[in-house]
Amino acid sequence: MRIKLLIPLIILLLVACAPATSRSTATTTTVTAITASGIKGSVTIGPTCPVMRVEDPCPDKPYQATLTILTQDQKQITQFQTDANGYFKVDLAPGNYILHPESPKVMPHAQDISFTVTSGQFTEVDVTYDSGIR
């Protein structure tokens, strides 16, 4: 009789302990997601046609580029490459930064962009390279 009562009690104790571990992991994941911050955006290049006509539009195109993130006093934080469609997303601590688009030659060229990262948010920054086509 004691064994019949002991087995369900052991099973009940094991089941009761399992959710506590899962809840702890879920809480940690949620906190990490809430505190994530950084920068995200896209890179395009244009113009891509020598002559633009109303009947033949020539919109800017996605551009795979190398971008460097600097502190306000020009110290490099990280350097990365966008994907083939020009998209990027980088985790950064809250603060003020400069996004420096690298240029393989004189052209294409893009200007530095100053931006601020706020805690728990991803700042949207879009970069446009000048192709030099005129």
N, C-alpha and C. Protein backbone atom coordinates (compact mmCIF):
# COMPACT_ATOMS: atom_id res chain seq x y z
N MET A 1 0.81 -1.18 0.00
CA MET A 1 0.00 0.00 0.00
C MET A 1 0.86 1.26 0.00
N ARG A 2 1.93 1.28 0.78
CA ARG A 2 2.81 2.44 0.84
C ARG A 2 3.47 2.69 -0.51
N ILE A 3 3.84 1.65 -1.23
CA ILE A 3 4.49 1.80 -2.54
C ILE A 3 3.52 2.43 -3.53
N LYS A 4 2.24 2.04 -3.48
CA LYS A 4 1.24 2.61 -4.37
C LYS A 4 1.10 4.12 -4.14
N LEU A 5 1.24 4.59 -2.94
CA LEU A 5 1.16 6.03 -2.63
C LEU A 5 2.48 6.74 -2.93
N LEU A 6 3.58 6.06 -2.79
CA LEU A 6 4.89 6.66 -3.00
C LEU A 6 5.17 6.95 -4.47
N ILE A 7 4.79 6.08 -5.36
CA ILE A 7 5.04 6.26 -6.80
C ILE A 7 4.32 7.50 -7.33
N PRO A 8 3.02 7.69 -7.11
CA PRO A 8 2.37 8.92 -7.60
C PRO A 8 2.96 10.19 -6.98
N LEU A 9 3.39 10.09 -5.72
CA LEU A 9 4.00 11.25 -5.08
C LEU A 9 5.31 11.62 -5.76
N ILE A 10 6.13 10.66 -6.12
CA ILE A 10 7.39 10.91 -6.82
C ILE A 10 7.12 11.51 -8.18
N ILE A 11 6.17 10.97 -8.91
CA ILE A 11 5.83 11.50 -10.25
C ILE A 11 5.33 12.94 -10.13
N LEU A 12 4.50 13.21 -9.15
CA LEU A 12 3.99 14.56 -8.94
C LEU A 12 5.12 15.54 -8.65
N LEU A 13 6.09 15.15 -7.84
CA LEU A 13 7.23 16.01 -7.54
C LEU A 13 8.09 16.27 -8.79
N LEU A 14 8.31 15.25 -9.62
CA LEU A 14 9.09 15.43 -10.84
C LEU A 14 8.39 16.37 -11.82
N VAL A 15 7.11 16.20 -11.98
CA VAL A 15 6.35 17.06 -12.89
C VAL A 15 6.33 18.50 -12.39
N ALA A 16 6.19 18.68 -11.10
CA ALA A 16 6.13 20.02 -10.52
C ALA A 16 7.45 20.77 -10.70
N CYS A 17 8.56 20.06 -10.73
CA CYS A 17 9.87 20.71 -10.89
C CYS A 17 10.16 21.10 -12.33
N ALA A 18 9.65 20.40 -13.31
CA ALA A 18 9.95 20.64 -14.72
C ALA A 18 9.55 22.03 -15.20
N PRO A 19 8.35 22.52 -14.96
CA PRO A 19 7.98 23.84 -15.46
C PRO A 19 8.83 24.97 -14.89
N ALA A 20 9.34 24.84 -13.69
CA ALA A 20 10.14 25.91 -13.10
C ALA A 20 11.37 26.19 -13.94
N THR A 21 12.02 25.17 -14.48
CA THR A 21 13.18 25.35 -15.34
C THR A 21 12.77 26.04 -16.64
N SER A 22 11.67 25.64 -17.23
CA SER A 22 11.21 26.24 -18.48
C SER A 22 10.86 27.70 -18.28
N ARG A 23 10.19 28.02 -17.16
CA ARG A 23 9.85 29.41 -16.90
C ARG A 23 11.09 30.27 -16.74
N SER A 24 12.08 29.76 -16.08
CA SER A 24 13.32 30.51 -15.88
C SER A 24 13.98 30.83 -17.21
N THR A 25 14.03 29.87 -18.12
CA THR A 25 14.63 30.08 -19.44
C THR A 25 13.83 31.11 -20.22
N ALA A 26 12.50 31.01 -20.19
CA ALA A 26 11.66 31.94 -20.93
C ALA A 26 11.85 33.36 -20.42
N THR A 27 11.98 33.54 -19.12
CA THR A 27 12.18 34.86 -18.56
C THR A 27 13.49 35.46 -19.04
N THR A 28 14.55 34.66 -19.05
CA THR A 28 15.85 35.14 -19.51
C THR A 28 15.78 35.55 -20.97
N THR A 29 15.13 34.76 -21.81
CA THR A 29 15.01 35.07 -23.23
C THR A 29 14.24 36.37 -23.43
N THR A 30 13.15 36.55 -22.69
CA THR A 30 12.35 37.75 -22.82
C THR A 30 13.15 38.99 -22.42
N VAL A 31 13.88 38.92 -21.36
CA VAL A 31 14.68 40.06 -20.92
C VAL A 31 15.71 40.42 -21.98
N THR A 32 16.36 39.43 -22.57
CA THR A 32 17.35 39.69 -23.61
C THR A 32 16.71 40.37 -24.81
N ALA A 33 15.53 39.89 -25.21
CA ALA A 33 14.86 40.47 -26.37
C ALA A 33 14.46 41.92 -26.11
N ILE A 34 14.04 42.23 -24.90
CA ILE A 34 13.60 43.58 -24.58
C ILE A 34 14.79 44.55 -24.57
N THR A 35 15.93 44.10 -24.10
CA THR A 35 17.06 45.01 -23.98
C THR A 35 17.91 45.08 -25.24
N ALA A 36 17.58 44.33 -26.30
CA ALA A 36 18.35 44.38 -27.54
C ALA A 36 18.22 45.77 -28.17
N SER A 37 19.32 46.25 -28.70
CA SER A 37 19.31 47.54 -29.38
C SER A 37 20.38 47.53 -30.45
N GLY A 38 20.29 48.46 -31.37
CA GLY A 38 21.29 48.53 -32.43
C GLY A 38 20.82 49.36 -33.59
N ILE A 39 21.27 48.94 -34.77
CA ILE A 39 20.99 49.66 -36.01
C ILE A 39 20.55 48.65 -37.06
N LYS A 40 19.63 49.07 -37.91
CA LYS A 40 19.20 48.24 -39.03
C LYS A 40 18.88 49.17 -40.19
N GLY A 41 18.91 48.61 -41.40
CA GLY A 41 18.58 49.43 -42.55
C GLY A 41 18.95 48.77 -43.85
N SER A 42 19.06 49.59 -44.88
CA SER A 42 19.37 49.08 -46.20
C SER A 42 20.30 50.05 -46.93
N VAL A 43 20.97 49.51 -47.93
CA VAL A 43 21.89 50.30 -48.75
C VAL A 43 21.44 50.20 -50.20
N THR A 44 21.37 51.35 -50.87
CA THR A 44 21.04 51.39 -52.29
C THR A 44 22.09 52.20 -53.03
N ILE A 45 22.08 52.07 -54.35
CA ILE A 45 23.00 52.83 -55.20
C ILE A 45 22.22 53.40 -56.37
N GLY A 46 22.58 54.61 -56.75
CA GLY A 46 21.90 55.25 -57.87
C GLY A 46 22.63 56.53 -58.27
N PRO A 47 22.40 57.09 -59.38
CA PRO A 47 21.58 56.50 -60.43
C PRO A 47 22.28 55.30 -61.06
N THR A 48 21.47 54.43 -61.68
CA THR A 48 22.03 53.25 -62.32
C THR A 48 21.84 53.28 -63.84
N CYS A 49 21.26 54.36 -64.34
CA CYS A 49 21.08 54.54 -65.78
C CYS A 49 21.70 55.89 -66.17
N PRO A 50 22.34 55.97 -67.35
CA PRO A 50 22.95 57.24 -67.74
C PRO A 50 21.93 58.34 -68.03
N VAL A 51 20.73 57.95 -68.49
CA VAL A 51 19.68 58.93 -68.78
C VAL A 51 18.39 58.41 -68.19
N MET A 52 17.73 59.25 -67.40
CA MET A 52 16.46 58.85 -66.80
C MET A 52 15.33 59.48 -67.60
N ARG A 53 14.34 58.65 -67.98
CA ARG A 53 13.19 59.12 -68.76
C ARG A 53 11.91 58.80 -67.99
N VAL A 54 10.88 59.60 -68.20
CA VAL A 54 9.60 59.37 -67.53
C VAL A 54 9.05 58.00 -67.91
N GLU A 55 9.14 57.64 -69.18
CA GLU A 55 8.58 56.36 -69.64
C GLU A 55 9.49 55.16 -69.31
N ASP A 56 10.71 55.44 -68.86
CA ASP A 56 11.67 54.37 -68.52
C ASP A 56 12.36 54.72 -67.20
N PRO A 57 11.63 54.57 -66.08
CA PRO A 57 12.22 54.96 -64.79
C PRO A 57 13.44 54.09 -64.45
N CYS A 58 14.29 54.65 -63.67
CA CYS A 58 15.53 53.97 -63.29
C CYS A 58 15.75 54.16 -61.79
N PRO A 59 15.01 53.39 -60.97
CA PRO A 59 15.12 53.56 -59.53
C PRO A 59 16.47 53.07 -59.00
N ASP A 60 16.84 53.57 -57.81
CA ASP A 60 18.05 53.07 -57.15
C ASP A 60 17.90 51.58 -56.93
N LYS A 61 19.04 50.90 -56.89
CA LYS A 61 19.05 49.44 -56.72
C LYS A 61 19.74 49.06 -55.41
N PRO A 62 19.38 47.90 -54.86
CA PRO A 62 20.08 47.43 -53.65
C PRO A 62 21.57 47.29 -53.93
N TYR A 63 22.38 47.53 -52.90
CA TYR A 63 23.83 47.51 -53.08
C TYR A 63 24.48 46.81 -51.88
N GLN A 64 25.29 45.81 -52.17
CA GLN A 64 26.02 45.13 -51.11
C GLN A 64 27.27 45.95 -50.81
N ALA A 65 27.38 46.40 -49.57
CA ALA A 65 28.46 47.32 -49.20
C ALA A 65 29.10 46.90 -47.88
N THR A 66 30.30 47.41 -47.67
CA THR A 66 30.98 47.26 -46.39
C THR A 66 30.78 48.55 -45.60
N LEU A 67 30.30 48.41 -44.37
CA LEU A 67 30.02 49.56 -43.52
C LEU A 67 30.82 49.45 -42.23
N THR A 68 31.29 50.59 -41.75
CA THR A 68 32.04 50.64 -40.50
C THR A 68 31.29 51.52 -39.51
N ILE A 69 31.19 51.05 -38.27
CA ILE A 69 30.57 51.85 -37.22
C ILE A 69 31.67 52.38 -36.33
N LEU A 70 31.64 53.70 -36.12
CA LEU A 70 32.65 54.40 -35.32
C LEU A 70 32.00 55.09 -34.13
N THR A 71 32.79 55.32 -33.10
CA THR A 71 32.34 56.16 -32.00
C THR A 71 32.43 57.62 -32.47
N GLN A 72 31.91 58.53 -31.67
CA GLN A 72 31.96 59.94 -32.02
C GLN A 72 33.40 60.46 -32.13
N ASP A 73 34.34 59.80 -31.44
CA ASP A 73 35.75 60.22 -31.54
C ASP A 73 36.54 59.33 -32.52
N GLN A 74 35.82 58.75 -33.50
CA GLN A 74 36.39 58.04 -34.64
C GLN A 74 37.05 56.70 -34.32
N LYS A 75 36.72 56.07 -33.19
CA LYS A 75 37.25 54.74 -32.88
C LYS A 75 36.32 53.69 -33.47
N GLN A 76 36.92 52.72 -34.17
CA GLN A 76 36.12 51.69 -34.83
C GLN A 76 35.49 50.74 -33.82
N ILE A 77 34.17 50.53 -33.95
CA ILE A 77 33.43 49.60 -33.12
C ILE A 77 33.33 48.25 -33.84
N THR A 78 32.90 48.29 -35.08
CA THR A 78 32.75 47.07 -35.89
C THR A 78 32.71 47.43 -37.36
N GLN A 79 32.97 46.43 -38.18
CA GLN A 79 32.86 46.57 -39.63
C GLN A 79 32.13 45.33 -40.12
N PHE A 80 31.21 45.51 -41.06
CA PHE A 80 30.41 44.39 -41.54
C PHE A 80 30.00 44.64 -42.98
N GLN A 81 29.49 43.59 -43.60
CA GLN A 81 29.01 43.70 -44.98
C GLN A 81 27.51 43.44 -44.99
N THR A 82 26.80 44.21 -45.79
CA THR A 82 25.36 43.99 -45.93
C THR A 82 25.14 42.69 -46.70
N ASP A 83 23.90 42.21 -46.70
CA ASP A 83 23.62 41.03 -47.51
C ASP A 83 23.50 41.44 -48.98
N ALA A 84 23.23 40.49 -49.85
CA ALA A 84 23.18 40.77 -51.30
C ALA A 84 22.09 41.77 -51.66
N ASN A 85 21.06 41.90 -50.81
CA ASN A 85 19.98 42.86 -51.06
C ASN A 85 20.21 44.19 -50.36
N GLY A 86 21.39 44.38 -49.78
CA GLY A 86 21.71 45.64 -49.13
C GLY A 86 21.21 45.78 -47.71
N TYR A 87 20.61 44.73 -47.14
CA TYR A 87 20.07 44.83 -45.78
C TYR A 87 21.12 44.52 -44.72
N PHE A 88 20.94 45.14 -43.54
CA PHE A 88 21.83 44.87 -42.42
C PHE A 88 21.09 45.09 -41.10
N LYS A 89 21.60 44.43 -40.06
CA LYS A 89 21.10 44.60 -38.70
C LYS A 89 22.26 44.25 -37.78
N VAL A 90 22.63 45.19 -36.90
CA VAL A 90 23.78 45.02 -36.03
C VAL A 90 23.39 45.42 -34.60
N ASP A 91 23.71 44.57 -33.64
CA ASP A 91 23.48 44.89 -32.23
C ASP A 91 24.51 45.91 -31.76
N LEU A 92 24.04 46.95 -31.08
CA LEU A 92 24.92 47.98 -30.50
C LEU A 92 24.35 48.42 -29.16
N ALA A 93 25.23 48.79 -28.27
CA ALA A 93 24.81 49.36 -27.00
C ALA A 93 24.23 50.76 -27.26
N PRO A 94 23.35 51.23 -26.40
CA PRO A 94 22.84 52.59 -26.56
C PRO A 94 23.99 53.61 -26.58
N GLY A 95 23.85 54.63 -27.43
CA GLY A 95 24.87 55.66 -27.53
C GLY A 95 24.84 56.35 -28.87
N ASN A 96 25.81 57.23 -29.09
CA ASN A 96 25.93 58.00 -30.34
C ASN A 96 27.06 57.41 -31.17
N TYR A 97 26.78 57.23 -32.46
CA TYR A 97 27.73 56.58 -33.36
C TYR A 97 27.77 57.30 -34.71
N ILE A 98 28.73 56.87 -35.53
CA ILE A 98 28.84 57.32 -36.92
C ILE A 98 28.88 56.08 -37.79
N LEU A 99 28.05 56.05 -38.83
CA LEU A 99 28.09 54.97 -39.81
C LEU A 99 28.92 55.46 -40.99
N HIS A 100 30.02 54.78 -41.25
CA HIS A 100 30.93 55.17 -42.34
C HIS A 100 30.84 54.14 -43.46
N PRO A 101 30.21 54.49 -44.59
CA PRO A 101 30.15 53.59 -45.73
C PRO A 101 31.52 53.55 -46.42
N GLU A 102 32.08 52.35 -46.55
CA GLU A 102 33.38 52.20 -47.20
C GLU A 102 33.21 52.32 -48.72
N SER A 103 34.19 52.89 -49.39
CA SER A 103 34.17 53.04 -50.84
C SER A 103 35.40 52.34 -51.43
N PRO A 104 35.17 51.41 -52.38
CA PRO A 104 36.31 50.70 -52.96
C PRO A 104 37.22 51.61 -53.79
N LYS A 105 36.66 52.66 -54.35
CA LYS A 105 37.40 53.63 -55.16
C LYS A 105 36.80 55.00 -54.87
N VAL A 106 37.05 55.96 -55.73
CA VAL A 106 36.44 57.28 -55.56
C VAL A 106 34.91 57.16 -55.67
N MET A 107 34.46 56.36 -56.62
CA MET A 107 33.03 56.09 -56.80
C MET A 107 32.82 54.59 -56.78
N PRO A 108 31.75 54.10 -56.28
CA PRO A 108 30.65 54.82 -55.66
C PRO A 108 31.05 55.37 -54.29
N HIS A 109 30.28 56.37 -53.87
CA HIS A 109 30.61 57.05 -52.62
C HIS A 109 29.32 57.36 -51.85
N ALA A 110 29.41 57.26 -50.52
CA ALA A 110 28.29 57.64 -49.66
C ALA A 110 28.83 58.43 -48.47
N GLN A 111 28.02 59.33 -47.96
CA GLN A 111 28.40 60.19 -46.84
C GLN A 111 28.27 59.45 -45.50
N ASP A 112 29.09 59.86 -44.52
CA ASP A 112 28.95 59.36 -43.16
C ASP A 112 27.60 59.79 -42.61
N ILE A 113 27.04 58.96 -41.72
CA ILE A 113 25.74 59.25 -41.11
C ILE A 113 25.89 59.12 -39.60
N SER A 114 25.58 60.19 -38.87
CA SER A 114 25.56 60.14 -37.41
C SER A 114 24.19 59.62 -36.97
N PHE A 115 24.18 58.78 -35.94
CA PHE A 115 22.92 58.24 -35.45
C PHE A 115 23.03 57.94 -33.96
N THR A 116 21.87 57.81 -33.33
CA THR A 116 21.80 57.49 -31.90
C THR A 116 21.02 56.20 -31.71
N VAL A 117 21.55 55.31 -30.88
CA VAL A 117 20.87 54.07 -30.52
C VAL A 117 20.25 54.26 -29.15
N THR A 118 18.96 53.96 -29.04
CA THR A 118 18.22 54.05 -27.80
C THR A 118 18.03 52.64 -27.24
N SER A 119 18.10 52.50 -25.94
CA SER A 119 17.94 51.20 -25.29
C SER A 119 16.64 50.52 -25.71
N GLY A 120 16.75 49.25 -26.08
CA GLY A 120 15.57 48.47 -26.44
C GLY A 120 15.04 48.72 -27.83
N GLN A 121 15.76 49.49 -28.66
CA GLN A 121 15.27 49.81 -30.01
C GLN A 121 16.38 49.63 -31.05
N PHE A 122 15.96 49.40 -32.29
CA PHE A 122 16.88 49.39 -33.41
C PHE A 122 16.63 50.64 -34.24
N THR A 123 17.66 51.46 -34.36
CA THR A 123 17.57 52.70 -35.12
C THR A 123 17.64 52.37 -36.61
N GLU A 124 16.69 52.93 -37.38
CA GLU A 124 16.63 52.69 -38.83
C GLU A 124 17.54 53.71 -39.53
N VAL A 125 18.49 53.21 -40.31
CA VAL A 125 19.39 54.07 -41.07
C VAL A 125 19.49 53.51 -42.48
N ASP A 126 19.20 54.34 -43.47
CA ASP A 126 19.33 53.94 -44.86
C ASP A 126 20.47 54.71 -45.51
N VAL A 127 21.28 53.99 -46.27
CA VAL A 127 22.48 54.55 -46.91
C VAL A 127 22.27 54.57 -48.42
N THR A 128 22.59 55.69 -49.06
CA THR A 128 22.50 55.78 -50.51
C THR A 128 23.88 56.12 -51.07
N TYR A 129 24.40 55.22 -51.89
CA TYR A 129 25.66 55.45 -52.58
C TYR A 129 25.39 56.19 -53.88
N ASP A 130 26.25 57.15 -54.20
CA ASP A 130 26.22 57.83 -55.48
C ASP A 130 27.08 57.01 -56.44
N SER A 131 26.48 56.52 -57.51
CA SER A 131 27.20 55.67 -58.46
C SER A 131 28.18 56.46 -59.33
N GLY A 132 27.94 57.75 -59.47
CA GLY A 132 28.80 58.56 -60.33
C GLY A 132 28.32 58.61 -61.77
N ILE A 133 27.27 57.86 -62.11
CA ILE A 133 26.75 57.86 -63.47
C ILE A 133 25.97 59.15 -63.69
N ARG A 134 26.30 59.85 -64.74
CA ARG A 134 25.59 61.09 -65.08
C ARG A 134 25.24 61.12 -66.54
